[in-house]
């Protein structure tokens, strides 16, 4: 008999991550079914699972669909009321599931939840991907409670609350399955990066809520599948962020915000080029052309209703780079 929650790990040539983190996932997930969706790995991940973790169910995709497509394809074969989409480089802790399920049960308007995400290598600090819950500023830049751009806060219990947020991190992403499929899952064109923010934004546009609970904690290695300084990551983040805004922003904010971001991204490209080399500058240029190429299809994906983004009055980039940080 299937359980309410399916903990689902997407794997691509990640046997070493499975060896390291899967034992605790199985140990501390007795009230869930554990699955691995394999994106046509060429290592011996499947053989390892079959031999050492026969209780873990596997779904084999016929090619590497990336993060977004990999989950969309694999989850078609998994029946559960709730999904937990979990990166393979995450260490879970005892009682990491119960606070999330309790929050779902108390509030049917909540579609997605993330736990507190700390750094595996520096456990006293928050981790880049999610930290204390995702937010977005008035220019469409995603950030987190506990992490602004590359600046990470030490965990002193300041985010031990349960509160509404704007987006939940894809590294440990709990979601009601019916809400996932009502939105047709992730936008597969994103391939990877910010697809979870786009999905959360679409859910918010339909009146749903995204939540964070500090009563559950996981530790994330980060950069397990794509290096933090990768030019490809720069490309995907900028292209996907522009597409996400085009899909989800209402008028008139959409017009001036897209124009503002095109200008700011030009400045960012020069900055990235000076800091990290020409491939990062070129990644910004490629990202804009990638955005233009997808523009007609992206426009068709706009929903009938968009919620005003600017409820936070947060001009993050200016506050951050002018040194006026909290």
C-alpha atoms as a PDB file:
ATOM      1  CA  UNK A   1       0.000   0.000   0.000  1.00  0.00           C
ATOM      2  CA  UNK A   2       1.405   3.391  -1.017  1.00  0.00           C
ATOM      3  CA  UNK A   3       2.062   5.987   1.657  1.00  0.00           C
ATOM      4  CA  UNK A   4       0.910   9.609   1.588  1.00  0.00           C
ATOM      5  CA  UNK A   5       4.413  10.938   0.902  1.00  0.00           C
ATOM      6  CA  UNK A   6       6.878   9.923  -1.796  1.00  0.00           C
ATOM      7  CA  UNK A   7      10.464  11.094  -1.252  1.00  0.00           C
ATOM      8  CA  UNK A   8      11.820  11.294  -4.769  1.00  0.00           C
ATOM      9  CA  UNK A   9      15.507  11.684  -5.657  1.00  0.00           C
ATOM     10  CA  UNK A  10      16.529  12.541  -9.204  1.00  0.00           C
ATOM     11  CA  UNK A  11      19.783  10.829 -10.129  1.00  0.00           C
ATOM     12  CA  UNK A  12      22.236  11.155 -12.991  1.00  0.00           C
ATOM     13  CA  UNK A  13      25.568   9.388 -12.506  1.00  0.00           C
ATOM     14  CA  UNK A  14      25.306  10.115  -8.812  1.00  0.00           C
ATOM     15  CA  UNK A  15      26.218   6.793  -7.246  1.00  0.00           C
ATOM     16  CA  UNK A  16      28.670   8.488  -4.873  1.00  0.00           C
ATOM     17  CA  UNK A  17      25.916  10.786  -3.568  1.00  0.00           C
ATOM     18  CA  UNK A  18      23.556   7.846  -3.125  1.00  0.00           C
ATOM     19  CA  UNK A  19      26.209   5.930  -1.186  1.00  0.00           C
ATOM     20  CA  UNK A  20      26.758   8.901   1.092  1.00  0.00           C
ATOM     21  CA  UNK A  21      23.240  10.169   1.759  1.00  0.00           C
ATOM     22  CA  UNK A  22      20.685   7.490   0.882  1.00  0.00           C
ATOM     23  CA  UNK A  23      21.182   5.428   4.092  1.00  0.00           C
ATOM     24  CA  UNK A  24      19.948   8.301   6.293  1.00  0.00           C
ATOM     25  CA  UNK A  25      17.148   9.146   3.864  1.00  0.00           C
ATOM     26  CA  UNK A  26      15.816   5.599   4.157  1.00  0.00           C
ATOM     27  CA  UNK A  27      16.425   5.495   7.916  1.00  0.00           C
ATOM     28  CA  UNK A  28      14.580   8.739   8.658  1.00  0.00           C
ATOM     29  CA  UNK A  29      11.774   8.332   6.090  1.00  0.00           C
ATOM     30  CA  UNK A  30       9.886   5.372   7.474  1.00  0.00           C
ATOM     31  CA  UNK A  31       6.565   7.173   6.940  1.00  0.00           C
ATOM     32  CA  UNK A  32       7.273   7.675   3.218  1.00  0.00           C
ATOM     33  CA  UNK A  33       7.994   5.676   0.099  1.00  0.00           C
ATOM     34  CA  UNK A  34      11.481   6.406  -1.239  1.00  0.00           C
ATOM     35  CA  UNK A  35      12.027   6.573  -4.996  1.00  0.00           C
ATOM     36  CA  UNK A  36      14.982   7.259  -7.268  1.00  0.00           C
ATOM     37  CA  UNK A  37      14.260   8.611 -10.745  1.00  0.00           C
ATOM     38  CA  UNK A  38      17.266   7.847 -12.917  1.00  0.00           C
ATOM     39  CA  UNK A  39      18.034  10.125 -15.878  1.00  0.00           C
ATOM     40  CA  UNK A  40      19.714   7.347 -17.905  1.00  0.00           C
ATOM     41  CA  UNK A  41      22.895   7.199 -15.827  1.00  0.00           C
ATOM     42  CA  UNK A  42      25.973   5.601 -17.341  1.00  0.00           C
ATOM     43  CA  UNK A  43      27.514   4.668 -13.994  1.00  0.00           C
ATOM     44  CA  UNK A  44      26.301   1.715 -11.932  1.00  0.00           C
ATOM     45  CA  UNK A  45      23.763   3.666  -9.854  1.00  0.00           C
ATOM     46  CA  UNK A  46      20.909   1.276 -10.646  1.00  0.00           C
ATOM     47  CA  UNK A  47      22.968  -1.817  -9.813  1.00  0.00           C
ATOM     48  CA  UNK A  48      23.982  -0.212  -6.518  1.00  0.00           C
ATOM     49  CA  UNK A  49      20.361   0.500  -5.611  1.00  0.00           C
ATOM     50  CA  UNK A  50      19.208  -2.989  -6.562  1.00  0.00           C
ATOM     51  CA  UNK A  51      21.929  -4.616  -4.469  1.00  0.00           C
ATOM     52  CA  UNK A  52      21.985  -2.396  -1.380  1.00  0.00           C
ATOM     53  CA  UNK A  53      18.537  -0.762  -1.227  1.00  0.00           C
ATOM     54  CA  UNK A  54      15.911  -3.154  -2.584  1.00  0.00           C
ATOM     55  CA  UNK A  55      13.213  -1.215  -0.674  1.00  0.00           C
ATOM     56  CA  UNK A  56      13.932   1.918  -2.728  1.00  0.00           C
ATOM     57  CA  UNK A  57      11.778   2.011  -5.833  1.00  0.00           C
ATOM     58  CA  UNK A  58      13.354   3.082  -9.121  1.00  0.00           C
ATOM     59  CA  UNK A  59      11.939   4.832 -12.161  1.00  0.00           C
ATOM     60  CA  UNK A  60      14.166   4.812 -15.228  1.00  0.00           C
ATOM     61  CA  UNK A  61      13.862   7.662 -17.711  1.00  0.00           C
ATOM     62  CA  UNK A  62      14.839   6.896 -21.295  1.00  0.00           C
ATOM     63  CA  UNK A  63      17.219   9.889 -21.515  1.00  0.00           C
ATOM     64  CA  UNK A  64      18.666  12.720 -19.424  1.00  0.00           C
ATOM     65  CA  UNK A  65      15.777  15.196 -19.295  1.00  0.00           C
ATOM     66  CA  UNK A  66      17.562  17.584 -16.919  1.00  0.00           C
ATOM     67  CA  UNK A  67      16.108  18.565 -13.551  1.00  0.00           C
ATOM     68  CA  UNK A  68      12.754  19.931 -14.717  1.00  0.00           C
ATOM     69  CA  UNK A  69      12.023  17.343 -17.389  1.00  0.00           C
ATOM     70  CA  UNK A  70      13.488  14.512 -15.355  1.00  0.00           C
ATOM     71  CA  UNK A  71      11.044  15.056 -12.540  1.00  0.00           C
ATOM     72  CA  UNK A  72       8.108  15.678 -14.874  1.00  0.00           C
ATOM     73  CA  UNK A  73       8.759  12.417 -16.684  1.00  0.00           C
ATOM     74  CA  UNK A  74       9.531  10.296 -13.636  1.00  0.00           C
ATOM     75  CA  UNK A  75       6.724  11.555 -11.408  1.00  0.00           C
ATOM     76  CA  UNK A  76       4.168  10.317 -13.943  1.00  0.00           C
ATOM     77  CA  UNK A  77       4.897   6.853 -12.555  1.00  0.00           C
ATOM     78  CA  UNK A  78       4.655   7.758  -8.853  1.00  0.00           C
ATOM     79  CA  UNK A  79       1.352   7.905  -7.009  1.00  0.00           C
ATOM     80  CA  UNK A  80       1.282   9.848  -3.726  1.00  0.00           C
ATOM     81  CA  UNK A  81      -0.659  12.689  -2.124  1.00  0.00           C
ATOM     82  CA  UNK A  82       2.562  14.610  -1.502  1.00  0.00           C
ATOM     83  CA  UNK A  83       5.932  14.634  -3.225  1.00  0.00           C
ATOM     84  CA  UNK A  84       9.255  15.563  -1.655  1.00  0.00           C
ATOM     85  CA  UNK A  85      11.674  16.323  -4.473  1.00  0.00           C
ATOM     86  CA  UNK A  86      15.055  15.843  -2.838  1.00  0.00           C
ATOM     87  CA  UNK A  87      18.513  16.474  -4.263  1.00  0.00           C
ATOM     88  CA  UNK A  88      20.871  13.527  -4.032  1.00  0.00           C
ATOM     89  CA  UNK A  89      23.436  15.661  -2.140  1.00  0.00           C
ATOM     90  CA  UNK A  90      21.161  16.399   0.835  1.00  0.00           C
ATOM     91  CA  UNK A  91      21.575  14.943   4.333  1.00  0.00           C
ATOM     92  CA  UNK A  92      18.246  14.647   6.109  1.00  0.00           C
ATOM     93  CA  UNK A  93      17.770  14.534   9.869  1.00  0.00           C
ATOM     94  CA  UNK A  94      15.513  12.711  12.289  1.00  0.00           C
ATOM     95  CA  UNK A  95      11.928  14.049  12.271  1.00  0.00           C
ATOM     96  CA  UNK A  96      12.484  16.023   9.058  1.00  0.00           C
ATOM     97  CA  UNK A  97       9.176  14.919   7.502  1.00  0.00           C
ATOM     98  CA  UNK A  98       6.568  15.241  10.279  1.00  0.00           C
ATOM     99  CA  UNK A  99       6.571  19.071  10.637  1.00  0.00           C
ATOM    100  CA  UNK A 100       6.021  19.439   6.902  1.00  0.00           C
ATOM    101  CA  UNK A 101       3.124  16.982   6.763  1.00  0.00           C
ATOM    102  CA  UNK A 102       1.549  18.624   9.821  1.00  0.00           C
ATOM    103  CA  UNK A 103       1.699  22.000   8.070  1.00  0.00           C
ATOM    104  CA  UNK A 104       0.063  20.569   4.936  1.00  0.00           C
ATOM    105  CA  UNK A 105      -2.699  18.981   6.996  1.00  0.00           C
ATOM    106  CA  UNK A 106      -3.428  22.194   8.927  1.00  0.00           C
ATOM    107  CA  UNK A 107      -3.734  24.443   5.887  1.00  0.00           C
ATOM    108  CA  UNK A 108      -5.173  23.141   2.591  1.00  0.00           C
ATOM    109  CA  UNK A 109      -4.197  26.408   0.849  1.00  0.00           C
ATOM    110  CA  UNK A 110      -0.506  25.529   1.188  1.00  0.00           C
ATOM    111  CA  UNK A 111       0.829  23.983  -2.020  1.00  0.00           C
ATOM    112  CA  UNK A 112       4.579  23.756  -1.371  1.00  0.00           C
ATOM    113  CA  UNK A 113       6.865  23.771   1.683  1.00  0.00           C
ATOM    114  CA  UNK A 114      10.599  23.805   2.291  1.00  0.00           C
ATOM    115  CA  UNK A 115      12.521  23.069   5.520  1.00  0.00           C
ATOM    116  CA  UNK A 116      15.477  24.983   6.932  1.00  0.00           C
ATOM    117  CA  UNK A 117      18.452  24.325   4.653  1.00  0.00           C
ATOM    118  CA  UNK A 118      21.913  24.539   6.191  1.00  0.00           C
ATOM    119  CA  UNK A 119      25.339  23.995   4.648  1.00  0.00           C
ATOM    120  CA  UNK A 120      26.631  20.441   4.831  1.00  0.00           C
ATOM    121  CA  UNK A 121      30.262  21.638   4.820  1.00  0.00           C
ATOM    122  CA  UNK A 122      29.666  24.533   7.229  1.00  0.00           C
ATOM    123  CA  UNK A 123      26.695  23.434   9.350  1.00  0.00           C
ATOM    124  CA  UNK A 124      26.490  26.628  11.420  1.00  0.00           C
ATOM    125  CA  UNK A 125      25.586  28.596   8.293  1.00  0.00           C
ATOM    126  CA  UNK A 126      22.682  28.592   5.893  1.00  0.00           C
ATOM    127  CA  UNK A 127      23.122  27.047   2.461  1.00  0.00           C
ATOM    128  CA  UNK A 128      22.897  29.019  -0.762  1.00  0.00           C
ATOM    129  CA  UNK A 129      19.989  27.101  -2.307  1.00  0.00           C
ATOM    130  CA  UNK A 130      16.999  27.914  -0.125  1.00  0.00           C
ATOM    131  CA  UNK A 131      18.406  28.834   3.301  1.00  0.00           C
ATOM    132  CA  UNK A 132      15.503  30.116   5.458  1.00  0.00           C
ATOM    133  CA  UNK A 133      12.954  30.348   2.648  1.00  0.00           C
ATOM    134  CA  UNK A 134      12.892  31.983  -0.777  1.00  0.00           C
ATOM    135  CA  UNK A 135      11.760  35.547  -1.562  1.00  0.00           C
ATOM    136  CA  UNK A 136      11.991  37.787  -4.619  1.00  0.00           C
ATOM    137  CA  UNK A 137      12.738  41.498  -4.829  1.00  0.00           C
ATOM    138  CA  UNK A 138      11.151  44.291  -6.866  1.00  0.00           C
ATOM    139  CA  UNK A 139      13.493  43.662  -9.798  1.00  0.00           C
ATOM    140  CA  UNK A 140      12.782  39.934  -9.927  1.00  0.00           C
ATOM    141  CA  UNK A 141      16.009  38.822  -8.229  1.00  0.00           C
ATOM    142  CA  UNK A 142      15.498  35.721  -6.076  1.00  0.00           C
ATOM    143  CA  UNK A 143      17.059  35.676  -2.624  1.00  0.00           C
ATOM    144  CA  UNK A 144      16.500  33.915   0.694  1.00  0.00           C
ATOM    145  CA  UNK A 145      16.096  34.642   4.330  1.00  0.00           C
ATOM    146  CA  UNK A 146      19.628  33.864   5.456  1.00  0.00           C
ATOM    147  CA  UNK A 147      21.210  34.381   2.023  1.00  0.00           C
ATOM    148  CA  UNK A 148      21.444  37.451  -0.168  1.00  0.00           C
ATOM    149  CA  UNK A 149      23.418  36.869  -3.374  1.00  0.00           C
ATOM    150  CA  UNK A 150      26.572  35.111  -2.062  1.00  0.00           C
ATOM    151  CA  UNK A 151      26.365  36.395   1.544  1.00  0.00           C
ATOM    152  CA  UNK A 152      25.271  33.692   3.986  1.00  0.00           C
ATOM    153  CA  UNK A 153      24.056  34.189   7.557  1.00  0.00           C
ATOM    154  CA  UNK A 154      24.980  32.076  10.537  1.00  0.00           C
ATOM    155  CA  UNK A 155      22.063  30.080  11.914  1.00  0.00           C
ATOM    156  CA  UNK A 156      21.271  31.497  15.353  1.00  0.00           C
ATOM    157  CA  UNK A 157      17.660  30.386  15.426  1.00  0.00           C
ATOM    158  CA  UNK A 158      16.440  33.550  13.701  1.00  0.00           C
ATOM    159  CA  UNK A 159      14.509  31.475  11.155  1.00  0.00           C
ATOM    160  CA  UNK A 160      13.070  28.763  13.382  1.00  0.00           C
ATOM    161  CA  UNK A 161       9.580  29.992  12.531  1.00  0.00           C
ATOM    162  CA  UNK A 162       6.865  28.775  10.191  1.00  0.00           C
ATOM    163  CA  UNK A 163       5.947  31.454   7.685  1.00  0.00           C
ATOM    164  CA  UNK A 164       4.717  32.171   4.191  1.00  0.00           C
ATOM    165  CA  UNK A 165       7.453  32.668   1.588  1.00  0.00           C
ATOM    166  CA  UNK A 166       7.560  33.291  -2.161  1.00  0.00           C
ATOM    167  CA  UNK A 167       9.380  30.174  -3.319  1.00  0.00           C
ATOM    168  CA  UNK A 168      10.574  26.867  -1.907  1.00  0.00           C
ATOM    169  CA  UNK A 169      13.980  25.492  -2.812  1.00  0.00           C
ATOM    170  CA  UNK A 170      14.180  22.702  -5.366  1.00  0.00           C
ATOM    171  CA  UNK A 171      16.855  20.946  -3.321  1.00  0.00           C
ATOM    172  CA  UNK A 172      14.188  19.884  -0.798  1.00  0.00           C
ATOM    173  CA  UNK A 173      10.808  20.699  -2.287  1.00  0.00           C
ATOM    174  CA  UNK A 174       7.601  19.346  -0.749  1.00  0.00           C
ATOM    175  CA  UNK A 175       4.481  19.803  -2.880  1.00  0.00           C
ATOM    176  CA  UNK A 176       0.940  18.459  -3.126  1.00  0.00           C
ATOM    177  CA  UNK A 177       0.879  16.176  -6.166  1.00  0.00           C
ATOM    178  CA  UNK A 178      -2.476  17.522  -7.367  1.00  0.00           C
ATOM    179  CA  UNK A 179      -1.107  21.085  -7.404  1.00  0.00           C
ATOM    180  CA  UNK A 180       2.041  19.945  -9.213  1.00  0.00           C
ATOM    181  CA  UNK A 181       0.018  18.345 -12.003  1.00  0.00           C
ATOM    182  CA  UNK A 182      -2.598  21.090 -12.197  1.00  0.00           C
ATOM    183  CA  UNK A 183       0.295  23.366 -13.174  1.00  0.00           C
ATOM    184  CA  UNK A 184       1.696  20.719 -15.574  1.00  0.00           C
ATOM    185  CA  UNK A 185       4.768  20.398 -13.390  1.00  0.00           C
ATOM    186  CA  UNK A 186       7.989  22.250 -14.060  1.00  0.00           C
ATOM    187  CA  UNK A 187       8.622  24.217 -17.241  1.00  0.00           C
ATOM    188  CA  UNK A 188      10.901  21.761 -19.044  1.00  0.00           C
ATOM    189  CA  UNK A 189      12.417  24.486 -21.214  1.00  0.00           C
ATOM    190  CA  UNK A 190      14.242  25.709 -18.099  1.00  0.00           C
ATOM    191  CA  UNK A 191      16.204  22.406 -17.990  1.00  0.00           C
ATOM    192  CA  UNK A 192      17.588  23.423 -14.571  1.00  0.00           C
ATOM    193  CA  UNK A 193      17.661  26.481 -12.255  1.00  0.00           C
ATOM    194  CA  UNK A 194      14.712  28.593 -11.117  1.00  0.00           C
ATOM    195  CA  UNK A 195      12.112  26.124 -12.371  1.00  0.00           C
ATOM    196  CA  UNK A 196      10.908  25.752  -8.777  1.00  0.00           C
ATOM    197  CA  UNK A 197      10.545  29.546  -8.419  1.00  0.00           C
ATOM    198  CA  UNK A 198       8.505  29.658 -11.615  1.00  0.00           C
ATOM    199  CA  UNK A 199       6.264  26.836 -10.370  1.00  0.00           C
ATOM    200  CA  UNK A 200       5.756  28.532  -6.992  1.00  0.00           C
ATOM    201  CA  UNK A 201       4.935  31.813  -8.730  1.00  0.00           C
ATOM    202  CA  UNK A 202       2.347  30.088 -10.907  1.00  0.00           C
ATOM    203  CA  UNK A 203       0.799  28.532  -7.804  1.00  0.00           C
ATOM    204  CA  UNK A 204       0.670  31.916  -6.039  1.00  0.00           C
ATOM    205  CA  UNK A 205      -1.057  33.368  -9.109  1.00  0.00           C
ATOM    206  CA  UNK A 206      -3.846  30.827  -8.554  1.00  0.00           C
ATOM    207  CA  UNK A 207      -4.277  31.793  -4.890  1.00  0.00           C
ATOM    208  CA  UNK A 208      -2.127  29.060  -3.355  1.00  0.00           C
ATOM    209  CA  UNK A 209       0.472  29.572  -0.612  1.00  0.00           C
ATOM    210  CA  UNK A 210       4.144  28.602  -0.302  1.00  0.00           C
ATOM    211  CA  UNK A 211       5.509  27.980   3.198  1.00  0.00           C
ATOM    212  CA  UNK A 212       8.711  27.464   5.161  1.00  0.00           C
ATOM    213  CA  UNK A 213       9.104  25.511   8.382  1.00  0.00           C
ATOM    214  CA  UNK A 214      12.117  25.904  10.642  1.00  0.00           C
ATOM    215  CA  UNK A 215      10.984  22.836  12.604  1.00  0.00           C
ATOM    216  CA  UNK A 216      12.554  20.625   9.935  1.00  0.00           C
ATOM    217  CA  UNK A 217      16.250  20.804   8.998  1.00  0.00           C
ATOM    218  CA  UNK A 218      18.339  19.345   6.174  1.00  0.00           C
ATOM    219  CA  UNK A 219      21.969  19.889   5.130  1.00  0.00           C
ATOM    220  CA  UNK A 220      22.836  20.531   1.494  1.00  0.00           C
ATOM    221  CA  UNK A 221      26.246  20.077  -0.123  1.00  0.00           C
ATOM    222  CA  UNK A 222      25.359  22.386  -3.044  1.00  0.00           C
ATOM    223  CA  UNK A 223      26.858  22.388  -6.523  1.00  0.00           C
ATOM    224  CA  UNK A 224      26.568  18.617  -6.645  1.00  0.00           C
ATOM    225  CA  UNK A 225      25.486  18.591 -10.289  1.00  0.00           C
ATOM    226  CA  UNK A 226      26.592  21.991 -11.643  1.00  0.00           C
ATOM    227  CA  UNK A 227      29.488  24.030 -10.282  1.00  0.00           C
ATOM    228  CA  UNK A 228      28.535  27.277  -8.558  1.00  0.00           C
ATOM    229  CA  UNK A 229      30.902  29.248 -10.824  1.00  0.00           C
ATOM    230  CA  UNK A 230      29.771  27.526 -14.024  1.00  0.00           C
ATOM    231  CA  UNK A 231      29.128  29.836 -16.987  1.00  0.00           C
ATOM    232  CA  UNK A 232      26.307  27.483 -17.964  1.00  0.00           C
ATOM    233  CA  UNK A 233      24.687  28.160 -14.592  1.00  0.00           C
ATOM    234  CA  UNK A 234      24.964  31.911 -15.258  1.00  0.00           C
ATOM    235  CA  UNK A 235      23.290  31.372 -18.628  1.00  0.00           C
ATOM    236  CA  UNK A 236      20.435  29.264 -17.253  1.00  0.00           C
ATOM    237  CA  UNK A 237      19.761  31.529 -14.278  1.00  0.00           C
ATOM    238  CA  UNK A 238      19.482  34.713 -16.369  1.00  0.00           C
ATOM    239  CA  UNK A 239      17.540  33.189 -19.283  1.00  0.00           C
ATOM    240  CA  UNK A 240      15.129  31.378 -16.993  1.00  0.00           C
ATOM    241  CA  UNK A 241      14.635  34.381 -14.727  1.00  0.00           C
ATOM    242  CA  UNK A 242      13.621  36.569 -17.671  1.00  0.00           C
ATOM    243  CA  UNK A 243      11.235  33.900 -18.982  1.00  0.00           C
ATOM    244  CA  UNK A 244       9.756  33.445 -15.528  1.00  0.00           C
ATOM    245  CA  UNK A 245       8.985  37.161 -15.232  1.00  0.00           C
ATOM    246  CA  UNK A 246       7.413  37.267 -18.692  1.00  0.00           C
ATOM    247  CA  UNK A 247       5.137  34.363 -17.743  1.00  0.00           C
ATOM    248  CA  UNK A 248       4.077  35.565 -14.318  1.00  0.00           C
ATOM    249  CA  UNK A 249       4.194  39.360 -13.988  1.00  0.00           C
ATOM    250  CA  UNK A 250       1.080  41.519 -14.456  1.00  0.00           C
ATOM    251  CA  UNK A 251       0.971  44.656 -16.538  1.00  0.00           C
ATOM    252  CA  UNK A 252       2.244  47.385 -16.255  1.00  0.00           C
ATOM    253  CA  UNK A 253       5.054  46.036 -14.057  1.00  0.00           C
ATOM    254  CA  UNK A 254       6.032  43.569 -16.761  1.00  0.00           C
ATOM    255  CA  UNK A 255       7.036  46.191 -19.327  1.00  0.00           C
ATOM    256  CA  UNK A 256       9.254  48.404 -17.238  1.00  0.00           C
ATOM    257  CA  UNK A 257      10.723  45.527 -15.218  1.00  0.00           C
ATOM    258  CA  UNK A 258      11.821  43.553 -18.270  1.00  0.00           C
ATOM    259  CA  UNK A 259      13.375  46.735 -19.714  1.00  0.00           C
ATOM    260  CA  UNK A 260      15.116  47.496 -16.404  1.00  0.00           C
ATOM    261  CA  UNK A 261      16.489  43.977 -16.187  1.00  0.00           C
ATOM    262  CA  UNK A 262      17.845  44.075 -19.730  1.00  0.00           C
ATOM    263  CA  UNK A 263      19.846  47.159 -18.752  1.00  0.00           C
ATOM    264  CA  UNK A 264      20.987  45.764 -15.413  1.00  0.00           C
ATOM    265  CA  UNK A 265      21.975  42.443 -16.961  1.00  0.00           C
ATOM    266  CA  UNK A 266      24.281  44.333 -19.320  1.00  0.00           C
ATOM    267  CA  UNK A 267      26.047  45.819 -16.304  1.00  0.00           C
ATOM    268  CA  UNK A 268      26.055  42.407 -14.623  1.00  0.00           C
ATOM    269  CA  UNK A 269      27.629  40.857 -17.726  1.00  0.00           C
ATOM    270  CA  UNK A 270      30.561  43.264 -17.540  1.00  0.00           C
ATOM    271  CA  UNK A 271      30.910  42.581 -13.808  1.00  0.00           C
ATOM    272  CA  UNK A 272      30.825  38.806 -14.313  1.00  0.00           C
ATOM    273  CA  UNK A 273      33.330  39.088 -17.148  1.00  0.00           C
ATOM    274  CA  UNK A 274      35.792  41.041 -15.020  1.00  0.00           C
ATOM    275  CA  UNK A 275      35.299  38.811 -11.985  1.00  0.00           C
ATOM    276  CA  UNK A 276      35.013  35.343 -13.535  1.00  0.00           C
ATOM    277  CA  UNK A 277      36.257  35.705 -17.109  1.00  0.00           C
ATOM    278  CA  UNK A 278      34.882  36.141 -20.621  1.00  0.00           C
ATOM    279  CA  UNK A 279      32.751  32.923 -20.633  1.00  0.00           C
ATOM    280  CA  UNK A 280      30.498  34.505 -17.993  1.00  0.00           C
ATOM    281  CA  UNK A 281      30.109  37.711 -19.994  1.00  0.00           C
ATOM    282  CA  UNK A 282      29.246  35.648 -23.050  1.00  0.00           C
ATOM    283  CA  UNK A 283      26.811  33.595 -20.937  1.00  0.00           C
ATOM    284  CA  UNK A 284      24.815  36.769 -20.216  1.00  0.00           C
ATOM    285  CA  UNK A 285      24.677  37.601 -23.931  1.00  0.00           C
ATOM    286  CA  UNK A 286      23.617  34.039 -24.787  1.00  0.00           C
ATOM    287  CA  UNK A 287      20.984  34.144 -22.049  1.00  0.00           C
ATOM    288  CA  UNK A 288      19.299  37.163 -23.606  1.00  0.00           C
ATOM    289  CA  UNK A 289      19.266  35.632 -27.063  1.00  0.00           C
ATOM    290  CA  UNK A 290      17.907  32.432 -25.519  1.00  0.00           C
ATOM    291  CA  UNK A 291      15.150  34.457 -23.862  1.00  0.00           C
ATOM    292  CA  UNK A 292      14.254  36.165 -27.166  1.00  0.00           C
ATOM    293  CA  UNK A 293      14.181  32.817 -28.973  1.00  0.00           C
ATOM    294  CA  UNK A 294      11.686  31.427 -26.447  1.00  0.00           C
ATOM    295  CA  UNK A 295       9.636  34.628 -26.177  1.00  0.00           C
ATOM    296  CA  UNK A 296       6.660  33.642 -28.415  1.00  0.00           C
ATOM    297  CA  UNK A 297       6.224  30.298 -26.658  1.00  0.00           C
ATOM    298  CA  UNK A 298       6.719  31.884 -23.222  1.00  0.00           C
ATOM    299  CA  UNK A 299       4.033  34.458 -23.976  1.00  0.00           C
ATOM    300  CA  UNK A 300       1.531  31.678 -24.713  1.00  0.00           C
ATOM    301  CA  UNK A 301       2.174  30.235 -21.247  1.00  0.00           C
ATOM    302  CA  UNK A 302       1.002  33.353 -19.411  1.00  0.00           C
ATOM    303  CA  UNK A 303      -1.878  32.614 -17.062  1.00  0.00           C
ATOM    304  CA  UNK A 304      -5.153  34.528 -17.098  1.00  0.00           C
ATOM    305  CA  UNK A 305      -4.335  36.168 -13.761  1.00  0.00           C
ATOM    306  CA  UNK A 306      -1.075  37.516 -12.311  1.00  0.00           C
ATOM    307  CA  UNK A 307      -0.489  38.798  -8.784  1.00  0.00           C
ATOM    308  CA  UNK A 308       1.446  42.010  -8.167  1.00  0.00           C
ATOM    309  CA  UNK A 309       5.063  41.146  -7.331  1.00  0.00           C
ATOM    310  CA  UNK A 310       5.793  44.359  -5.479  1.00  0.00           C
ATOM    311  CA  UNK A 311       4.321  43.617  -2.089  1.00  0.00           C
ATOM    312  CA  UNK A 312       7.704  43.589  -0.365  1.00  0.00           C
ATOM    313  CA  UNK A 313       9.024  47.046  -1.345  1.00  0.00           C
ATOM    314  CA  UNK A 314      12.461  45.448  -1.384  1.00  0.00           C
ATOM    315  CA  UNK A 315      15.104  46.922  -3.698  1.00  0.00           C
ATOM    316  CA  UNK A 316      17.594  44.224  -2.941  1.00  0.00           C
ATOM    317  CA  UNK A 317      20.289  44.847  -5.514  1.00  0.00           C
ATOM    318  CA  UNK A 318      20.662  48.516  -4.622  1.00  0.00           C
ATOM    319  CA  UNK A 319      20.567  47.924  -0.879  1.00  0.00           C
ATOM    320  CA  UNK A 320      23.082  45.101  -1.157  1.00  0.00           C
ATOM    321  CA  UNK A 321      25.674  46.673  -3.425  1.00  0.00           C
ATOM    322  CA  UNK A 322      25.446  50.085  -1.758  1.00  0.00           C
ATOM    323  CA  UNK A 323      26.342  48.356   1.487  1.00  0.00           C
ATOM    324  CA  UNK A 324      23.081  48.993   3.342  1.00  0.00           C
ATOM    325  CA  UNK A 325      22.589  45.378   4.433  1.00  0.00           C
ATOM    326  CA  UNK A 326      20.728  44.405   7.592  1.00  0.00           C
END
